Amino acid sequence: MALTTLMKKDGNTLVADSVLAIEGLQKIPNGEEVKVVVTTPRNLRHHRKFFALLALVMSAQNDPPFYHTVEDLLEEIKLGMGYFKMVKRKDGTQYPKTLSIDFATLDQVAFSEWWDKAIKFILEKILPHVERKTFEDEIYNFLGETTPSQYERR
């Protein structure tokens, strides 16, 4: 049996916090040893904040733009950060294949680390004339927020 559900930490215990979680746990005999993999669910607001960041970088480009699509920009960021694996072709040559940042791949803790590295790369290599605080303020303005409270990462 496989059970995928959300739980809350209470001291040193994980507690089922929904009817589905409780029903799933009731199917496991008391005293049964189970394997548990703990991840922190991704914050959807942080995900939106990331795409606001990409939109801002796209709009900050000179004319004609270097990056024609958000996908092109995201690939550049991933490659520049080293977020790829090398793949070997049949002829022996290799090329970089960028890794996924989707919800199934990165939990919130990993995405927060990725976010910090992405901001650093963007401000060093793509928008070196922009200060981090100014850039983050622009992201919140783009989202229609004046404070980061709704978009806190952790």
N, C-alpha and C. Protein backbone atom coordinates (compact mmCIF):
# COMPACT_ATOMS: atom_id res chain seq x y z
N MET A 1 0.84 -1.18 0.00
CA MET A 1 0.00 0.00 0.00
C MET A 1 0.89 1.25 0.00
N ALA A 2 0.54 2.21 -0.80
CA ALA A 2 1.24 3.49 -0.81
C ALA A 2 0.26 4.57 -0.37
N LEU A 3 0.72 5.43 0.52
CA LEU A 3 -0.11 6.52 1.03
C LEU A 3 0.65 7.82 0.83
N THR A 4 0.05 8.72 0.09
CA THR A 4 0.61 10.05 -0.08
C THR A 4 -0.39 11.03 0.49
N THR A 5 0.02 11.76 1.51
CA THR A 5 -0.90 12.68 2.18
C THR A 5 -0.12 13.79 2.86
N LEU A 6 -0.81 14.83 3.25
CA LEU A 6 -0.20 15.91 4.01
C LEU A 6 -0.40 15.65 5.50
N MET A 7 0.64 15.96 6.27
CA MET A 7 0.58 15.82 7.72
C MET A 7 1.21 17.06 8.33
N LYS A 8 0.98 17.25 9.60
CA LYS A 8 1.60 18.35 10.32
C LYS A 8 2.51 17.80 11.40
N LYS A 9 3.60 18.53 11.64
CA LYS A 9 4.53 18.13 12.69
C LYS A 9 4.04 18.70 14.00
N ASP A 10 4.01 17.86 15.03
CA ASP A 10 3.63 18.28 16.37
C ASP A 10 4.67 17.66 17.31
N GLY A 11 5.65 18.49 17.72
CA GLY A 11 6.75 17.96 18.52
C GLY A 11 7.57 17.00 17.67
N ASN A 12 7.69 15.76 18.15
CA ASN A 12 8.41 14.74 17.41
C ASN A 12 7.48 13.76 16.70
N THR A 13 6.26 14.21 16.43
CA THR A 13 5.25 13.33 15.84
C THR A 13 4.66 13.98 14.59
N LEU A 14 4.35 13.16 13.59
CA LEU A 14 3.60 13.63 12.43
C LEU A 14 2.13 13.28 12.67
N VAL A 15 1.26 14.26 12.46
CA VAL A 15 -0.16 14.09 12.77
C VAL A 15 -0.98 14.24 11.49
N ALA A 16 -1.87 13.28 11.26
CA ALA A 16 -2.78 13.36 10.11
C ALA A 16 -3.69 14.57 10.31
N ASP A 17 -3.83 15.38 9.25
CA ASP A 17 -4.65 16.58 9.41
C ASP A 17 -5.81 16.64 8.44
N SER A 18 -6.21 15.48 7.92
CA SER A 18 -7.38 15.43 7.05
C SER A 18 -8.05 14.07 7.20
N VAL A 19 -9.29 13.98 6.78
CA VAL A 19 -10.02 12.72 6.85
C VAL A 19 -9.31 11.66 5.99
N LEU A 20 -8.84 12.05 4.81
CA LEU A 20 -8.15 11.10 3.95
C LEU A 20 -6.87 10.57 4.59
N ALA A 21 -6.14 11.46 5.26
CA ALA A 21 -4.91 11.03 5.93
C ALA A 21 -5.22 10.06 7.06
N ILE A 22 -6.24 10.37 7.82
CA ILE A 22 -6.64 9.50 8.95
C ILE A 22 -7.08 8.14 8.43
N GLU A 23 -7.91 8.13 7.38
CA GLU A 23 -8.37 6.86 6.81
C GLU A 23 -7.19 6.05 6.27
N GLY A 24 -6.24 6.72 5.63
CA GLY A 24 -5.07 6.03 5.11
C GLY A 24 -4.24 5.41 6.22
N LEU A 25 -4.03 6.15 7.30
CA LEU A 25 -3.25 5.64 8.43
C LEU A 25 -3.97 4.49 9.14
N GLN A 26 -5.30 4.52 9.16
CA GLN A 26 -6.06 3.46 9.82
C GLN A 26 -5.89 2.12 9.11
N LYS A 27 -5.48 2.15 7.85
CA LYS A 27 -5.28 0.91 7.09
C LYS A 27 -3.95 0.23 7.44
N ILE A 28 -3.09 0.94 8.15
CA ILE A 28 -1.79 0.39 8.53
C ILE A 28 -1.92 -0.20 9.94
N PRO A 29 -1.58 -1.49 10.12
CA PRO A 29 -1.70 -2.09 11.45
C PRO A 29 -0.79 -1.39 12.46
N ASN A 30 -1.28 -1.24 13.70
CA ASN A 30 -0.47 -0.66 14.78
C ASN A 30 0.81 -1.46 14.94
N GLY A 31 1.90 -0.75 15.12
CA GLY A 31 3.20 -1.39 15.31
C GLY A 31 3.89 -1.74 14.00
N GLU A 32 3.21 -1.58 12.87
CA GLU A 32 3.79 -1.90 11.56
C GLU A 32 4.89 -0.89 11.24
N GLU A 33 6.03 -1.41 10.80
CA GLU A 33 7.12 -0.52 10.38
C GLU A 33 6.83 -0.03 8.96
N VAL A 34 6.93 1.29 8.75
CA VAL A 34 6.67 1.86 7.43
C VAL A 34 7.83 2.78 7.04
N LYS A 35 8.00 2.98 5.77
CA LYS A 35 9.01 3.90 5.27
C LYS A 35 8.33 5.26 5.05
N VAL A 36 8.99 6.31 5.52
CA VAL A 36 8.43 7.66 5.41
C VAL A 36 9.43 8.55 4.69
N VAL A 37 8.98 9.25 3.68
CA VAL A 37 9.79 10.25 2.99
C VAL A 37 9.13 11.59 3.25
N VAL A 38 9.85 12.50 3.90
CA VAL A 38 9.28 13.78 4.29
C VAL A 38 9.76 14.88 3.34
N THR A 39 8.82 15.60 2.78
CA THR A 39 9.12 16.78 1.97
C THR A 39 8.23 17.91 2.43
N THR A 40 8.62 19.12 2.11
CA THR A 40 7.80 20.28 2.43
C THR A 40 7.08 20.70 1.17
N PRO A 41 5.74 20.72 1.17
CA PRO A 41 5.01 21.08 -0.04
C PRO A 41 5.42 22.46 -0.54
N ARG A 42 5.40 22.63 -1.83
CA ARG A 42 5.80 23.87 -2.46
C ARG A 42 4.76 24.96 -2.21
N ASN A 43 5.24 26.14 -1.93
CA ASN A 43 4.40 27.32 -1.72
C ASN A 43 4.01 27.87 -3.08
N LEU A 44 2.73 27.78 -3.43
CA LEU A 44 2.26 28.24 -4.73
C LEU A 44 2.53 29.73 -4.93
N ARG A 45 2.44 30.51 -3.87
CA ARG A 45 2.73 31.94 -3.99
C ARG A 45 4.19 32.19 -4.34
N HIS A 46 5.08 31.37 -3.81
CA HIS A 46 6.50 31.52 -4.15
C HIS A 46 6.72 31.16 -5.62
N HIS A 47 5.99 30.18 -6.10
CA HIS A 47 6.05 29.80 -7.51
C HIS A 47 5.59 30.98 -8.38
N ARG A 48 4.50 31.63 -8.01
CA ARG A 48 4.02 32.81 -8.74
C ARG A 48 5.04 33.93 -8.69
N LYS A 49 5.67 34.08 -7.54
CA LYS A 49 6.71 35.10 -7.39
C LYS A 49 7.85 34.84 -8.36
N PHE A 50 8.20 33.58 -8.56
CA PHE A 50 9.28 33.25 -9.49
C PHE A 50 8.89 33.64 -10.92
N PHE A 51 7.67 33.37 -11.31
CA PHE A 51 7.26 33.73 -12.67
C PHE A 51 7.09 35.24 -12.83
N ALA A 52 6.80 35.93 -11.74
CA ALA A 52 6.82 37.41 -11.78
C ALA A 52 8.25 37.89 -12.01
N LEU A 53 9.20 37.24 -11.37
CA LEU A 53 10.61 37.57 -11.56
C LEU A 53 11.00 37.41 -13.03
N LEU A 54 10.60 36.29 -13.64
CA LEU A 54 10.92 36.06 -15.04
C LEU A 54 10.28 37.13 -15.94
N ALA A 55 9.05 37.48 -15.64
CA ALA A 55 8.36 38.51 -16.43
C ALA A 55 9.08 39.85 -16.31
N LEU A 56 9.55 40.17 -15.12
CA LEU A 56 10.28 41.43 -14.94
C LEU A 56 11.59 41.44 -15.71
N VAL A 57 12.30 40.34 -15.69
CA VAL A 57 13.55 40.26 -16.45
C VAL A 57 13.25 40.42 -17.94
N MET A 58 12.20 39.78 -18.41
CA MET A 58 11.82 39.90 -19.83
C MET A 58 11.53 41.36 -20.18
N SER A 59 10.82 42.06 -19.30
CA SER A 59 10.45 43.46 -19.59
C SER A 59 11.62 44.42 -19.43
N ALA A 60 12.67 44.00 -18.73
CA ALA A 60 13.82 44.88 -18.51
C ALA A 60 14.84 44.81 -19.65
N GLN A 61 14.58 43.96 -20.63
CA GLN A 61 15.52 43.80 -21.74
C GLN A 61 15.52 45.03 -22.65
N ASN A 62 16.66 45.24 -23.28
CA ASN A 62 16.75 46.28 -24.32
C ASN A 62 16.01 45.80 -25.56
N ASP A 63 15.79 46.73 -26.48
CA ASP A 63 15.14 46.39 -27.73
C ASP A 63 16.20 46.33 -28.83
N PRO A 64 16.38 45.30 -29.58
CA PRO A 64 15.59 44.07 -29.58
C PRO A 64 15.97 43.17 -28.41
N PRO A 65 15.03 42.40 -27.91
CA PRO A 65 15.30 41.54 -26.75
C PRO A 65 16.24 40.40 -27.10
N PHE A 66 17.06 40.03 -26.12
CA PHE A 66 17.95 38.89 -26.28
C PHE A 66 17.17 37.59 -26.07
N TYR A 67 16.33 37.57 -25.03
CA TYR A 67 15.50 36.39 -24.74
C TYR A 67 14.13 36.64 -25.36
N HIS A 68 13.72 35.77 -26.25
CA HIS A 68 12.44 35.98 -26.95
C HIS A 68 11.26 35.36 -26.21
N THR A 69 11.53 34.39 -25.36
CA THR A 69 10.45 33.76 -24.59
C THR A 69 10.91 33.56 -23.15
N VAL A 70 9.94 33.41 -22.27
CA VAL A 70 10.25 33.10 -20.87
C VAL A 70 10.99 31.77 -20.78
N GLU A 71 10.62 30.83 -21.64
CA GLU A 71 11.30 29.52 -21.65
C GLU A 71 12.78 29.68 -21.97
N ASP A 72 13.10 30.57 -22.94
CA ASP A 72 14.51 30.82 -23.27
C ASP A 72 15.25 31.39 -22.06
N LEU A 73 14.63 32.33 -21.39
CA LEU A 73 15.23 32.94 -20.21
C LEU A 73 15.44 31.90 -19.11
N LEU A 74 14.43 31.08 -18.86
CA LEU A 74 14.53 30.05 -17.82
C LEU A 74 15.65 29.06 -18.15
N GLU A 75 15.78 28.67 -19.41
CA GLU A 75 16.88 27.78 -19.80
C GLU A 75 18.23 28.43 -19.53
N GLU A 76 18.36 29.73 -19.87
CA GLU A 76 19.61 30.46 -19.62
C GLU A 76 19.95 30.46 -18.13
N ILE A 77 18.96 30.70 -17.31
CA ILE A 77 19.18 30.73 -15.86
C ILE A 77 19.63 29.36 -15.37
N LYS A 78 18.94 28.31 -15.79
CA LYS A 78 19.30 26.96 -15.36
C LYS A 78 20.72 26.60 -15.81
N LEU A 79 21.03 26.88 -17.07
CA LEU A 79 22.36 26.57 -17.58
C LEU A 79 23.43 27.37 -16.85
N GLY A 80 23.16 28.66 -16.64
CA GLY A 80 24.13 29.53 -15.97
C GLY A 80 24.37 29.14 -14.53
N MET A 81 23.36 28.58 -13.89
CA MET A 81 23.50 28.14 -12.51
C MET A 81 24.12 26.75 -12.41
N GLY A 82 24.27 26.09 -13.55
CA GLY A 82 24.78 24.72 -13.52
C GLY A 82 23.71 23.71 -13.16
N TYR A 83 22.45 24.07 -13.36
CA TYR A 83 21.34 23.20 -13.01
C TYR A 83 20.97 22.33 -14.23
N PHE A 84 21.88 21.42 -14.55
CA PHE A 84 21.70 20.55 -15.70
C PHE A 84 22.51 19.27 -15.50
N LYS A 85 22.25 18.31 -16.35
CA LYS A 85 23.07 17.11 -16.40
C LYS A 85 23.56 16.96 -17.83
N MET A 86 24.71 16.35 -17.97
CA MET A 86 25.26 16.12 -19.31
C MET A 86 24.68 14.81 -19.85
N VAL A 87 24.21 14.87 -21.08
CA VAL A 87 23.61 13.72 -21.74
C VAL A 87 24.48 13.35 -22.93
N LYS A 88 24.71 12.07 -23.10
CA LYS A 88 25.57 11.60 -24.18
C LYS A 88 24.73 11.15 -25.37
N ARG A 89 25.12 11.65 -26.54
CA ARG A 89 24.46 11.23 -27.77
C ARG A 89 25.08 9.91 -28.25
N LYS A 90 24.43 9.31 -29.23
CA LYS A 90 24.91 8.05 -29.79
C LYS A 90 26.31 8.20 -30.39
N ASP A 91 26.59 9.40 -30.95
CA ASP A 91 27.91 9.61 -31.56
C ASP A 91 29.00 9.96 -30.54
N GLY A 92 28.64 9.98 -29.26
CA GLY A 92 29.62 10.24 -28.21
C GLY A 92 29.71 11.68 -27.75
N THR A 93 29.13 12.60 -28.51
CA THR A 93 29.15 13.99 -28.07
C THR A 93 28.17 14.17 -26.93
N GLN A 94 28.41 15.19 -26.14
CA GLN A 94 27.55 15.45 -24.99
C GLN A 94 26.93 16.84 -25.09
N TYR A 95 25.80 16.99 -24.45
CA TYR A 95 25.13 18.29 -24.38
C TYR A 95 24.46 18.43 -23.01
N PRO A 96 24.28 19.66 -22.55
CA PRO A 96 23.62 19.86 -21.25
C PRO A 96 22.10 19.80 -21.39
N LYS A 97 21.48 19.05 -20.52
CA LYS A 97 20.02 18.98 -20.47
C LYS A 97 19.59 19.57 -19.13
N THR A 98 18.84 20.67 -19.19
CA THR A 98 18.46 21.32 -17.94
C THR A 98 17.49 20.44 -17.15
N LEU A 99 17.56 20.60 -15.84
CA LEU A 99 16.74 19.81 -14.93
C LEU A 99 15.43 20.55 -14.64
N SER A 100 14.46 19.80 -14.19
CA SER A 100 13.14 20.35 -13.91
C SER A 100 13.10 21.05 -12.55
N ILE A 101 12.28 22.09 -12.48
CA ILE A 101 12.01 22.75 -11.19
C ILE A 101 10.53 22.60 -10.83
N ASP A 102 9.86 21.62 -11.39
CA ASP A 102 8.42 21.47 -11.15
C ASP A 102 8.14 21.05 -9.70
N PHE A 103 6.89 21.08 -9.33
CA PHE A 103 6.47 20.81 -7.96
C PHE A 103 6.87 19.41 -7.49
N ALA A 104 6.84 18.44 -8.39
CA ALA A 104 7.19 17.07 -8.01
C ALA A 104 8.69 16.91 -7.79
N THR A 105 9.48 17.75 -8.43
CA THR A 105 10.93 17.62 -8.36
C THR A 105 11.53 18.35 -7.17
N LEU A 106 11.07 19.58 -6.92
CA LEU A 106 11.62 20.40 -5.84
C LEU A 106 10.55 20.71 -4.81
N ASP A 107 10.81 20.32 -3.56
CA ASP A 107 9.89 20.73 -2.50
C ASP A 107 10.21 22.19 -2.15
N GLN A 108 9.53 22.76 -1.17
CA GLN A 108 9.70 24.17 -0.87
C GLN A 108 11.10 24.51 -0.40
N VAL A 109 11.70 23.66 0.40
CA VAL A 109 13.05 23.92 0.89
C VAL A 109 14.03 23.98 -0.28
N ALA A 110 13.96 23.00 -1.17
CA ALA A 110 14.85 22.97 -2.33
C ALA A 110 14.57 24.14 -3.27
N PHE A 111 13.28 24.48 -3.45
CA PHE A 111 12.94 25.60 -4.34
C PHE A 111 13.44 26.92 -3.76
N SER A 112 13.38 27.09 -2.46
CA SER A 112 13.89 28.31 -1.83
C SER A 112 15.39 28.47 -2.08
N GLU A 113 16.11 27.37 -1.97
CA GLU A 113 17.55 27.41 -2.25
C GLU A 113 17.77 27.73 -3.72
N TRP A 114 16.97 27.12 -4.60
CA TRP A 114 17.09 27.37 -6.03
C TRP A 114 16.80 28.85 -6.33
N TRP A 115 15.76 29.39 -5.70
CA TRP A 115 15.37 30.79 -5.86
C TRP A 115 16.54 31.72 -5.53
N ASP A 116 17.16 31.49 -4.39
CA ASP A 116 18.28 32.35 -3.97
C ASP A 116 19.42 32.32 -4.99
N LYS A 117 19.73 31.14 -5.51
CA LYS A 117 20.78 31.01 -6.51
C LYS A 117 20.37 31.66 -7.83
N ALA A 118 19.10 31.54 -8.18
CA ALA A 118 18.61 32.15 -9.43
C ALA A 118 18.70 33.67 -9.35
N ILE A 119 18.28 34.24 -8.22
CA ILE A 119 18.36 35.70 -8.03
C ILE A 119 19.81 36.15 -8.16
N LYS A 120 20.70 35.42 -7.50
CA LYS A 120 22.12 35.77 -7.55
C LYS A 120 22.64 35.74 -8.99
N PHE A 121 22.31 34.70 -9.74
CA PHE A 121 22.74 34.59 -11.12
C PHE A 121 22.18 35.73 -11.97
N ILE A 122 20.90 35.99 -11.83
CA ILE A 122 20.26 37.06 -12.63
C ILE A 122 20.92 38.40 -12.35
N LEU A 123 21.16 38.70 -11.07
CA LEU A 123 21.71 40.00 -10.73
C LEU A 123 23.20 40.11 -11.05
N GLU A 124 23.89 39.00 -11.16
CA GLU A 124 25.31 39.04 -11.55
C GLU A 124 25.51 39.00 -13.06
N LYS A 125 24.69 38.23 -13.77
CA LYS A 125 24.96 37.98 -15.18
C LYS A 125 23.96 38.62 -16.16
N ILE A 126 22.71 38.77 -15.74
CA ILE A 126 21.71 39.28 -16.68
C ILE A 126 21.38 40.74 -16.42
N LEU A 127 21.21 41.09 -15.15
CA LEU A 127 20.89 42.47 -14.76
C LEU A 127 21.90 42.97 -13.72
N PRO A 128 23.17 43.08 -14.09
CA PRO A 128 24.20 43.42 -13.10
C PRO A 128 24.08 44.85 -12.54
N HIS A 129 23.31 45.70 -13.18
CA HIS A 129 23.16 47.08 -12.73
C HIS A 129 22.03 47.26 -11.71
N VAL A 130 21.34 46.17 -11.35
CA VAL A 130 20.19 46.25 -10.44
C VAL A 130 20.57 45.69 -9.07
N GLU A 131 20.17 46.40 -8.01
CA GLU A 131 20.40 45.94 -6.64
C GLU A 131 19.33 44.92 -6.25
N ARG A 132 19.70 43.97 -5.41
CA ARG A 132 18.76 42.91 -5.01
C ARG A 132 17.48 43.48 -4.37
N LYS A 133 17.63 44.39 -3.43
CA LYS A 133 16.46 44.94 -2.74
C LYS A 133 15.52 45.61 -3.74
N THR A 134 16.07 46.39 -4.65
CA THR A 134 15.26 47.06 -5.67
C THR A 134 14.54 46.03 -6.53
N PHE A 135 15.27 44.98 -6.92
CA PHE A 135 14.70 43.94 -7.76
C PHE A 135 13.55 43.23 -7.05
N GLU A 136 13.75 42.85 -5.79
CA GLU A 136 12.70 42.16 -5.05
C GLU A 136 11.49 43.08 -4.82
N ASP A 137 11.74 44.37 -4.56
CA ASP A 137 10.63 45.32 -4.44
C ASP A 137 9.82 45.38 -5.73
N GLU A 138 10.50 45.35 -6.85
CA GLU A 138 9.82 45.38 -8.16
C GLU A 138 8.98 44.12 -8.36
N ILE A 139 9.47 43.00 -7.88
CA ILE A 139 8.70 41.75 -8.00
C ILE A 139 7.39 41.89 -7.23
N TYR A 140 7.46 42.40 -6.00
CA TYR A 140 6.25 42.55 -5.20
C TYR A 140 5.31 43.57 -5.82
N ASN A 141 5.85 44.64 -6.37
CA ASN A 141 5.01 45.63 -7.06
C ASN A 141 4.33 45.00 -8.26
N PHE A 142 5.06 44.18 -9.00
CA PHE A 142 4.50 43.49 -10.16
C PHE A 142 3.33 42.61 -9.74
N LEU A 143 3.45 41.99 -8.57
CA LEU A 143 2.39 41.12 -8.05
C LEU A 143 1.26 41.90 -7.40
N GLY A 144 1.43 43.22 -7.30
CA GLY A 144 0.40 44.04 -6.66
C GLY A 144 0.47 44.00 -5.16
N GLU A 145 1.62 43.65 -4.61
CA GLU A 145 1.81 43.57 -3.16
C GLU A 145 2.85 44.59 -2.74
N THR A 146 2.71 45.10 -1.55
CA THR A 146 3.70 46.05 -1.05
C THR A 146 4.65 45.41 -0.07
N THR A 147 4.31 44.22 0.43
CA THR A 147 5.17 43.54 1.37
C THR A 147 5.33 42.08 0.96
N PRO A 148 6.39 41.45 1.38
CA PRO A 148 6.59 40.05 1.03
C PRO A 148 5.78 39.07 1.88
N SER A 149 4.96 39.53 2.82
CA SER A 149 4.33 38.63 3.78
C SER A 149 3.55 37.49 3.14
N GLN A 150 2.81 37.77 2.06
CA GLN A 150 2.04 36.71 1.42
C GLN A 150 2.92 35.72 0.69
N TYR A 151 4.13 36.13 0.36
CA TYR A 151 4.99 35.33 -0.48
C TYR A 151 6.20 34.77 0.27
N GLU A 152 6.12 34.76 1.58
CA GLU A 152 7.23 34.23 2.35
C GLU A 152 7.55 32.82 1.89
N ARG A 153 8.80 32.50 1.86
CA ARG A 153 9.23 31.24 1.27
C ARG A 153 9.09 30.06 2.20
N ARG A 154 9.20 30.26 3.47
CA ARG A 154 9.22 29.10 4.35
C ARG A 154 8.03 29.12 5.27
